């Protein structure tokens, strides 16, 4: 999942990853993802141990995955080695280029299409016994040319965090929790006092995109064949945020001297922020004395809308033990194991069968899961990650920028990316 920052790679790392990935095309990989499905042939099998490469969020996740892997290894009889990556995308690309990738690994939505198109990944989705249990919006993020390549491992959505002390001090009650854009603007203004701003968020599409979704907008059409960045809906959404910035009831985290909305919220520089459920862990570890609650994002002109962030469990096409790798992934994505991961490091299960129990155990965070049906994935076609990164670099000046002009520039870049 994408945590504090918008993009998972720096420009240099992205360039290196692209170069290594392209070089893999000449290293025994098939030229098309369409021939890499598990159903195209028998799964490979061997007595070799499985190697698992993860992009861990921290010690808690690493320990939890290692523990789960050890338990599976004991019951299956197959050895497993789990390695947390220092730079997941770079290490994956190096493994693919050398012809010796890890058997199982995390794959981000932004990396999926590149690896799928050059045949690096086994498209095993149709062989999953629990395929129908995953949220459809998540499997869509890992589907290329109608093939589900990998199982979503967990996910996050965006919600509204409210500092309850600031809320009470402003004379607000539970009945004032904003349900619409107008109400969000109203409470943001009332909360802007005592040296703090009412609302903050990071200046990036990965936060502001939620408002686009609420206005009925998106960066592309549903099948990512057409750029829709400069739509009237997206203009309306960014103009709304721009209005909050201009009247002083909202500020970007960068304008508050912080790298992301979570720190601005935790340090009480803002009474509310739009963030994902990873912030709950940061609040516990870095700001344990701050009381807060989490509510669903207000509805926009077209209703509810939020963004989702997810990774999947990839299996290498070159793995000598695909059969064991598939069994390992099925265990890691089972209902019981995902609930254990949720307890260990705060993620939301990617399977619908875990929803009721998860919300019962974590009622204070139910808003995140309640938004799953209205969540939109970030575009994952090749080249779109670079376009979004460039878009992010421009959003910091939204307050003084003509919205339509800004979106028209991104529209051209997105259209070019979708054409390949």
Protein backbone atom coordinates (compact mmCIF):
# COMPACT_ATOMS: atom_id res chain seq x y z
CA UNK A 1 0.00 0.00 0.00
CA UNK A 2 1.05 3.51 -0.56
CA UNK A 3 1.63 5.00 2.83
CA UNK A 4 2.80 8.55 3.48
CA UNK A 5 3.98 9.60 0.04
CA UNK A 6 2.33 9.56 -3.32
CA UNK A 7 4.82 7.62 -5.33
CA UNK A 8 6.80 4.63 -4.15
CA UNK A 9 9.86 5.37 -6.29
CA UNK A 10 12.05 8.38 -6.90
CA UNK A 11 12.59 9.40 -10.50
CA UNK A 12 16.03 7.78 -10.48
CA UNK A 13 14.75 4.53 -9.06
CA UNK A 14 11.90 4.49 -11.56
CA UNK A 15 14.32 4.94 -14.41
CA UNK A 16 16.51 2.11 -13.12
CA UNK A 17 13.50 -0.14 -12.64
CA UNK A 18 12.26 0.59 -16.16
CA UNK A 19 15.66 -0.17 -17.65
CA UNK A 20 16.01 -3.44 -15.76
CA UNK A 21 12.45 -4.48 -16.53
CA UNK A 22 12.92 -3.85 -20.23
CA UNK A 23 16.15 -5.82 -20.20
CA UNK A 24 14.20 -8.77 -18.83
CA UNK A 25 12.40 -9.02 -22.16
CA UNK A 26 15.57 -10.44 -23.69
CA UNK A 27 16.30 -12.81 -20.81
CA UNK A 28 13.98 -15.71 -21.51
CA UNK A 29 10.72 -13.96 -20.63
CA UNK A 30 7.72 -14.19 -22.89
CA UNK A 31 6.90 -11.10 -24.90
CA UNK A 32 3.27 -10.96 -23.92
CA UNK A 33 1.42 -11.27 -20.63
CA UNK A 34 -1.38 -13.13 -22.41
CA UNK A 35 0.68 -16.34 -22.53
CA UNK A 36 1.73 -16.28 -18.90
CA UNK A 37 -1.49 -17.57 -17.34
CA UNK A 38 -1.33 -20.54 -14.99
CA UNK A 39 -4.03 -22.26 -17.02
CA UNK A 40 -1.81 -22.16 -20.13
CA UNK A 41 0.17 -25.10 -18.72
CA UNK A 42 0.86 -27.18 -15.64
CA UNK A 43 2.24 -25.33 -12.64
CA UNK A 44 5.90 -25.99 -12.00
CA UNK A 45 6.81 -27.99 -8.92
CA UNK A 46 10.06 -28.79 -7.13
CA UNK A 47 11.46 -29.54 -3.69
CA UNK A 48 13.21 -26.17 -3.50
CA UNK A 49 12.38 -23.70 -0.73
CA UNK A 50 10.22 -20.72 -1.60
CA UNK A 51 11.76 -17.26 -1.54
CA UNK A 52 9.44 -14.39 -0.63
CA UNK A 53 10.31 -10.71 -1.14
CA UNK A 54 8.14 -8.14 0.62
CA UNK A 55 7.97 -4.35 0.70
CA UNK A 56 7.34 -4.14 4.42
CA UNK A 57 5.78 -1.17 6.19
CA UNK A 58 7.90 -1.86 9.27
CA UNK A 59 9.03 -4.38 11.86
CA UNK A 60 5.47 -5.41 12.76
CA UNK A 61 4.62 -6.42 9.20
CA UNK A 62 7.93 -8.20 8.68
CA UNK A 63 7.51 -10.22 11.88
CA UNK A 64 3.89 -11.08 11.05
CA UNK A 65 4.68 -12.32 7.53
CA UNK A 66 7.67 -14.33 8.75
CA UNK A 67 5.56 -15.92 11.48
CA UNK A 68 2.76 -16.80 9.04
CA UNK A 69 5.27 -18.18 6.54
CA UNK A 70 6.91 -20.33 9.22
CA UNK A 71 3.53 -21.76 10.24
CA UNK A 72 2.65 -22.55 6.61
CA UNK A 73 6.07 -24.11 6.07
CA UNK A 74 5.59 -26.40 9.06
CA UNK A 75 2.20 -27.60 7.84
CA UNK A 76 3.11 -27.89 4.15
CA UNK A 77 6.61 -29.26 4.47
CA UNK A 78 7.98 -26.63 2.07
CA UNK A 79 10.73 -24.34 3.31
CA UNK A 80 10.16 -20.58 3.08
CA UNK A 81 12.57 -17.67 3.31
CA UNK A 82 11.05 -14.18 3.74
CA UNK A 83 13.17 -11.12 2.95
CA UNK A 84 12.05 -7.51 3.49
CA UNK A 85 13.28 -5.42 0.55
CA UNK A 86 15.24 -2.20 0.86
CA UNK A 87 13.86 -1.08 -2.51
CA UNK A 88 11.21 -3.53 -3.66
CA UNK A 89 10.81 -2.40 -7.26
CA UNK A 90 14.54 -2.19 -7.85
CA UNK A 91 15.22 -5.60 -6.33
CA UNK A 92 12.33 -7.16 -8.26
CA UNK A 93 13.61 -5.73 -11.53
CA UNK A 94 17.12 -7.00 -10.82
CA UNK A 95 15.75 -10.46 -10.07
CA UNK A 96 13.72 -10.56 -13.27
CA UNK A 97 16.67 -9.34 -15.32
CA UNK A 98 18.95 -12.03 -13.89
CA UNK A 99 16.40 -14.78 -14.47
CA UNK A 100 16.38 -15.59 -10.75
CA UNK A 101 13.50 -13.65 -9.22
CA UNK A 102 11.92 -14.41 -5.86
CA UNK A 103 9.13 -16.98 -6.13
CA UNK A 104 6.56 -14.77 -4.39
CA UNK A 105 6.63 -11.00 -3.89
CA UNK A 106 4.56 -7.88 -3.35
CA UNK A 107 3.52 -6.06 -6.53
CA UNK A 108 2.16 -2.51 -6.56
CA UNK A 109 -0.59 -1.41 -8.93
CA UNK A 110 1.84 0.95 -10.63
CA UNK A 111 4.30 -1.89 -11.36
CA UNK A 112 1.81 -4.52 -12.43
CA UNK A 113 1.32 -3.64 -16.09
CA UNK A 114 5.03 -3.48 -16.87
CA UNK A 115 5.76 -6.86 -15.34
CA UNK A 116 2.64 -8.42 -16.85
CA UNK A 117 3.37 -7.15 -20.36
CA UNK A 118 6.86 -8.67 -20.54
CA UNK A 119 5.78 -12.02 -19.11
CA UNK A 120 7.54 -11.74 -15.76
CA UNK A 121 4.40 -12.63 -13.80
CA UNK A 122 2.36 -15.80 -13.60
CA UNK A 123 -1.30 -14.93 -14.13
CA UNK A 124 -2.69 -17.29 -11.52
CA UNK A 125 -5.86 -15.43 -10.51
CA UNK A 126 -8.27 -17.92 -12.06
CA UNK A 127 -6.65 -20.76 -10.09
CA UNK A 128 -7.32 -19.16 -6.71
CA UNK A 129 -9.83 -21.11 -4.66
CA UNK A 130 -10.93 -17.85 -3.00
CA UNK A 131 -11.01 -15.70 -6.15
CA UNK A 132 -14.65 -14.69 -5.67
CA UNK A 133 -14.03 -13.54 -2.09
CA UNK A 134 -11.88 -10.53 -3.02
CA UNK A 135 -13.47 -7.10 -3.38
CA UNK A 136 -14.15 -6.56 -7.11
CA UNK A 137 -12.58 -3.10 -7.05
CA UNK A 138 -9.33 -4.70 -5.85
CA UNK A 139 -9.19 -7.50 -8.40
CA UNK A 140 -9.84 -4.91 -11.09
CA UNK A 141 -6.62 -3.16 -10.07
CA UNK A 142 -4.66 -6.34 -10.78
CA UNK A 143 -6.38 -7.37 -13.99
CA UNK A 144 -4.68 -6.83 -17.35
CA UNK A 145 -6.29 -7.85 -20.64
CA UNK A 146 -9.06 -9.62 -18.71
CA UNK A 147 -6.58 -11.74 -16.75
CA UNK A 148 -6.34 -11.50 -12.96
CA UNK A 149 -2.63 -11.70 -12.36
CA UNK A 150 -2.40 -11.81 -8.59
CA UNK A 151 -4.30 -11.87 -5.31
CA UNK A 152 -4.76 -8.53 -3.48
CA UNK A 153 -3.01 -8.90 -0.14
CA UNK A 154 -4.88 -6.15 1.76
CA UNK A 155 -5.95 -2.56 1.12
CA UNK A 156 -6.51 0.95 2.42
CA UNK A 157 -9.02 3.68 1.70
CA UNK A 158 -9.15 7.37 2.60
CA UNK A 159 -11.35 8.75 5.37
CA UNK A 160 -11.67 11.93 7.45
CA UNK A 161 -9.74 12.13 10.72
CA UNK A 162 -11.12 14.55 13.33
CA UNK A 163 -9.30 15.82 16.43
CA UNK A 164 -12.05 15.40 19.04
CA UNK A 165 -10.60 17.99 21.43
CA UNK A 166 -10.50 20.65 18.71
CA UNK A 167 -13.98 19.61 17.60
CA UNK A 168 -15.44 20.10 21.05
CA UNK A 169 -13.58 23.38 21.58
CA UNK A 170 -15.19 24.74 18.40
CA UNK A 171 -18.63 23.97 19.83
CA UNK A 172 -19.26 21.11 17.40
CA UNK A 173 -21.12 17.88 18.22
CA UNK A 174 -21.68 14.51 16.57
CA UNK A 175 -24.55 15.99 14.60
CA UNK A 176 -22.07 18.34 12.90
CA UNK A 177 -19.97 15.58 11.34
CA UNK A 178 -19.87 16.68 7.68
CA UNK A 179 -21.89 14.65 5.22
CA UNK A 180 -21.58 17.03 2.24
CA UNK A 181 -19.03 19.38 0.71
CA UNK A 182 -20.88 22.40 2.05
CA UNK A 183 -20.84 20.96 5.56
CA UNK A 184 -17.13 20.13 5.29
CA UNK A 185 -16.44 23.73 4.27
CA UNK A 186 -18.51 25.00 7.19
CA UNK A 187 -16.83 22.92 9.90
CA UNK A 188 -13.38 23.56 8.41
CA UNK A 189 -13.99 27.28 8.84
CA UNK A 190 -15.24 26.85 12.43
CA UNK A 191 -12.21 24.71 13.31
CA UNK A 192 -9.74 27.25 11.93
CA UNK A 193 -8.77 28.97 15.17
CA UNK A 194 -6.18 29.03 17.94
CA UNK A 195 -3.28 28.89 15.49
CA UNK A 196 -4.48 25.82 13.61
CA UNK A 197 -6.22 25.28 10.30
CA UNK A 198 -9.46 23.35 9.98
CA UNK A 199 -8.41 20.86 7.29
CA UNK A 200 -5.15 19.61 5.82
CA UNK A 201 -4.02 16.98 3.38
CA UNK A 202 -0.99 16.21 1.27
CA UNK A 203 -0.89 18.07 -2.06
CA UNK A 204 -1.23 15.04 -4.30
CA UNK A 205 -3.73 13.25 -6.48
CA UNK A 206 -3.67 10.34 -4.03
CA UNK A 207 -5.62 12.55 -1.62
CA UNK A 208 -7.40 15.12 -3.80
CA UNK A 209 -8.51 12.34 -6.13
CA UNK A 210 -11.14 11.44 -3.56
CA UNK A 211 -12.88 14.75 -4.26
CA UNK A 212 -12.71 14.02 -7.98
CA UNK A 213 -14.46 10.70 -7.37
CA UNK A 214 -17.13 12.45 -5.28
CA UNK A 215 -17.77 14.81 -8.19
CA UNK A 216 -18.06 11.90 -10.60
CA UNK A 217 -14.61 12.37 -12.07
CA UNK A 218 -11.52 10.23 -12.64
CA UNK A 219 -8.22 10.43 -14.49
CA UNK A 220 -9.32 7.87 -17.09
CA UNK A 221 -12.43 6.05 -18.21
CA UNK A 222 -13.25 2.68 -16.62
CA UNK A 223 -11.10 0.53 -18.92
CA UNK A 224 -8.23 3.05 -19.03
CA UNK A 225 -8.42 3.57 -22.77
CA UNK A 226 -9.20 7.29 -22.65
CA UNK A 227 -7.87 10.16 -20.55
CA UNK A 228 -10.58 12.13 -18.73
CA UNK A 229 -8.39 14.39 -16.60
CA UNK A 230 -9.82 17.71 -17.83
CA UNK A 231 -13.46 16.74 -17.31
CA UNK A 232 -15.92 19.22 -15.85
CA UNK A 233 -16.24 16.97 -12.80
CA UNK A 234 -12.51 17.13 -12.06
CA UNK A 235 -12.48 20.90 -12.54
CA UNK A 236 -15.38 21.18 -10.09
CA UNK A 237 -13.57 19.02 -7.52
CA UNK A 238 -10.28 20.91 -7.62
CA UNK A 239 -12.08 24.26 -7.65
CA UNK A 240 -13.81 23.17 -4.43
CA UNK A 241 -10.49 22.35 -2.77
CA UNK A 242 -9.00 25.55 -4.16
CA UNK A 243 -11.82 27.52 -2.52
CA UNK A 244 -10.98 25.99 0.88
CA UNK A 245 -7.34 26.91 0.40
CA UNK A 246 -8.15 30.46 -0.63
CA UNK A 247 -10.45 31.18 2.30
CA UNK A 248 -7.84 29.85 4.73
CA UNK A 249 -9.93 27.00 6.17
CA UNK A 250 -7.62 24.43 4.57
CA UNK A 251 -3.88 24.24 3.96
CA UNK A 252 -1.70 21.63 2.36
CA UNK A 253 0.63 19.81 4.74
CA UNK A 254 3.63 21.26 2.89
CA UNK A 255 2.39 24.76 3.72
CA UNK A 256 2.31 23.75 7.37
CA UNK A 257 5.91 22.59 7.27
CA UNK A 258 5.08 18.87 7.22
CA UNK A 259 5.73 16.16 4.63
CA UNK A 260 2.27 14.61 4.93
CA UNK A 261 -1.13 15.27 6.43
CA UNK A 262 -0.60 12.75 9.21
CA UNK A 263 2.15 14.74 10.91
CA UNK A 264 0.28 18.01 10.52
CA UNK A 265 -2.74 16.38 12.17
CA UNK A 266 -0.72 14.68 14.89
CA UNK A 267 1.04 17.92 15.81
CA UNK A 268 -2.33 19.72 15.96
CA UNK A 269 -1.48 22.08 13.14
CA UNK A 270 -4.81 21.02 11.65
CA UNK A 271 -8.01 19.78 13.27
CA UNK A 272 -8.89 17.41 10.41
CA UNK A 273 -7.08 15.54 7.68
CA UNK A 274 -7.88 13.25 4.76
CA UNK A 275 -5.73 10.16 5.16
CA UNK A 276 -5.64 6.39 4.95
CA UNK A 277 -5.86 3.82 7.71
CA UNK A 278 -2.07 3.64 7.95
CA UNK A 279 -2.34 6.89 9.95
CA UNK A 280 -3.93 4.98 12.82
CA UNK A 281 -0.63 3.19 13.43
CA UNK A 282 1.32 6.43 13.23
CA UNK A 283 -1.03 8.06 15.72
CA UNK A 284 -0.51 5.21 18.19
CA UNK A 285 3.27 5.27 17.89
CA UNK A 286 4.01 8.98 17.41
CA UNK A 287 0.99 10.85 18.80
CA UNK A 288 -0.55 8.59 21.47
CA UNK A 289 -1.98 11.51 23.46
CA UNK A 290 -4.11 12.85 20.60
CA UNK A 291 -7.75 11.83 20.76
CA UNK A 292 -9.42 11.47 17.38
CA UNK A 293 -12.17 9.73 15.49
CA UNK A 294 -12.47 8.53 11.93
CA UNK A 295 -15.56 9.16 9.78
CA UNK A 296 -16.44 8.60 6.15
CA UNK A 297 -15.54 11.31 3.70
CA UNK A 298 -18.40 13.71 2.88
CA UNK A 299 -20.40 13.04 -0.26
CA UNK A 300 -19.87 15.26 -3.27
CA UNK A 301 -22.22 16.28 -6.09
CA UNK A 302 -22.28 12.70 -7.38
CA UNK A 303 -22.29 10.92 -4.03
CA UNK A 304 -19.72 8.97 -2.03
CA UNK A 305 -16.20 8.55 -3.28
CA UNK A 306 -12.73 7.68 -2.03
CA UNK A 307 -9.49 6.18 -3.33
CA UNK A 308 -8.07 2.75 -2.57
CA UNK A 309 -4.47 1.61 -2.29
CA UNK A 310 -3.34 -1.98 -2.50
CA UNK A 311 -0.58 -4.43 -3.37
CA UNK A 312 -0.87 -8.02 -4.49
CA UNK A 313 1.02 -11.27 -4.02
CA UNK A 314 2.87 -11.80 -7.29
CA UNK A 315 4.26 -15.15 -8.42
CA UNK A 316 7.20 -15.27 -10.82
CA UNK A 317 6.68 -16.89 -14.21
CA UNK A 318 10.19 -18.32 -13.79
CA UNK A 319 9.51 -19.82 -10.35
CA UNK A 320 10.45 -23.51 -10.26
CA UNK A 321 7.77 -24.12 -7.63
CA UNK A 322 4.62 -22.30 -8.74
CA UNK A 323 2.38 -24.95 -7.19
CA UNK A 324 3.73 -24.31 -3.69
CA UNK A 325 3.76 -20.56 -4.34
CA UNK A 326 0.03 -20.64 -5.14
CA UNK A 327 -0.69 -22.62 -1.97
CA UNK A 328 1.34 -20.10 0.03
CA UNK A 329 -0.59 -17.15 -1.43
CA UNK A 330 -3.92 -18.82 -0.72
CA UNK A 331 -2.93 -19.21 2.91
CA UNK A 332 -1.70 -15.62 3.18
CA UNK A 333 -4.98 -14.32 1.75
CA UNK A 334 -7.27 -16.61 3.73
CA UNK A 335 -9.84 -14.98 6.00
CA UNK A 336 -8.18 -16.09 9.23
CA UNK A 337 -4.69 -15.08 8.14
CA UNK A 338 -5.78 -11.66 6.93
CA UNK A 339 -7.52 -11.00 10.24
CA UNK A 340 -4.28 -11.97 11.99
CA UNK A 341 -2.36 -9.54 9.77
CA UNK A 342 -4.91 -6.84 10.56
CA UNK A 343 -4.26 -7.31 14.27
CA UNK A 344 -0.50 -7.39 13.78
CA UNK A 345 0.02 -4.32 11.60
CA UNK A 346 -3.31 -2.58 11.04
CA UNK A 347 -4.27 -3.42 7.47
CA UNK A 348 -7.76 -4.09 6.09
CA UNK A 349 -8.46 -7.58 4.72
CA UNK A 350 -8.93 -7.80 0.97
CA UNK A 351 -11.58 -10.52 1.26
CA UNK A 352 -15.23 -9.73 1.90
CA UNK A 353 -15.64 -12.72 4.22
CA UNK A 354 -13.50 -10.94 6.82
CA UNK A 355 -15.46 -7.67 6.78
CA UNK A 356 -18.01 -8.35 9.52
CA UNK A 357 -15.47 -9.64 12.02
CA UNK A 358 -12.97 -6.90 11.19
CA UNK A 359 -15.55 -4.15 11.80
CA UNK A 360 -16.64 -5.84 15.02
CA UNK A 361 -13.07 -5.92 16.29
CA UNK A 362 -12.23 -2.40 15.07
CA UNK A 363 -15.49 -0.42 15.17
CA UNK A 364 -13.58 2.85 15.53
CA UNK A 365 -12.14 2.29 12.03
CA UNK A 366 -15.27 0.96 10.32
CA UNK A 367 -15.47 4.08 8.14
CA UNK A 368 -12.54 2.85 6.05
CA UNK A 369 -14.24 -0.42 5.17
CA UNK A 370 -17.67 1.16 4.79
CA UNK A 371 -16.21 3.13 1.87
CA UNK A 372 -14.95 0.05 0.01
CA UNK A 373 -17.87 0.02 -2.44
CA UNK A 374 -17.24 3.63 -3.50
CA UNK A 375 -13.45 3.30 -3.70
CA UNK A 376 -11.62 3.95 -6.95
CA UNK A 377 -8.25 2.49 -7.82
CA UNK A 378 -5.32 4.56 -9.06
CA UNK A 379 -4.67 4.05 -12.82
CA UNK A 380 -2.20 1.23 -13.38
CA UNK A 381 -1.48 1.30 -17.12
CA UNK A 382 2.17 1.62 -18.09
CA UNK A 383 3.35 5.23 -17.97
CA UNK A 384 0.45 6.52 -15.86
CA UNK A 385 2.52 6.49 -12.65
CA UNK A 386 4.91 9.05 -14.14
CA UNK A 387 1.99 11.25 -15.22
CA UNK A 388 0.48 11.14 -11.73
CA UNK A 389 3.86 11.91 -10.15
CA UNK A 390 4.15 15.00 -12.36
CA UNK A 391 0.56 15.95 -11.50
CA UNK A 392 1.46 15.73 -7.81
CA UNK A 393 4.38 18.09 -8.29
CA UNK A 394 1.99 20.75 -9.60
CA UNK A 395 -0.83 20.41 -7.08
CA UNK A 396 1.08 22.21 -4.34
CA UNK A 397 0.40 25.49 -6.15
CA UNK A 398 -3.32 24.79 -6.69
CA UNK A 399 -4.31 27.82 -4.62
CA UNK A 400 -2.86 30.20 -7.21
CA UNK A 401 -3.23 28.08 -10.35
CA UNK A 402 -6.01 28.07 -12.92
CA UNK A 403 -7.59 24.66 -12.39
CA UNK A 404 -8.68 24.04 -15.96
CA UNK A 405 -5.27 24.98 -17.35
CA UNK A 406 -3.59 22.64 -14.87
CA UNK A 407 -5.83 19.73 -15.77
CA UNK A 408 -5.51 20.33 -19.52
CA UNK A 409 -1.74 19.91 -19.21
CA UNK A 410 -2.10 16.64 -17.30
CA UNK A 411 -4.76 15.50 -19.81
CA UNK A 412 -2.24 15.67 -22.65
CA UNK A 413 0.32 13.67 -20.68
CA UNK A 414 -2.20 11.04 -19.63
CA UNK A 415 -3.53 10.66 -23.17
CA UNK A 416 0.01 10.12 -24.43
CA UNK A 417 0.70 7.54 -21.71
CA UNK A 418 -2.43 5.55 -22.52
CA UNK A 419 -1.41 5.43 -26.18
CA UNK A 420 1.82 3.74 -25.06
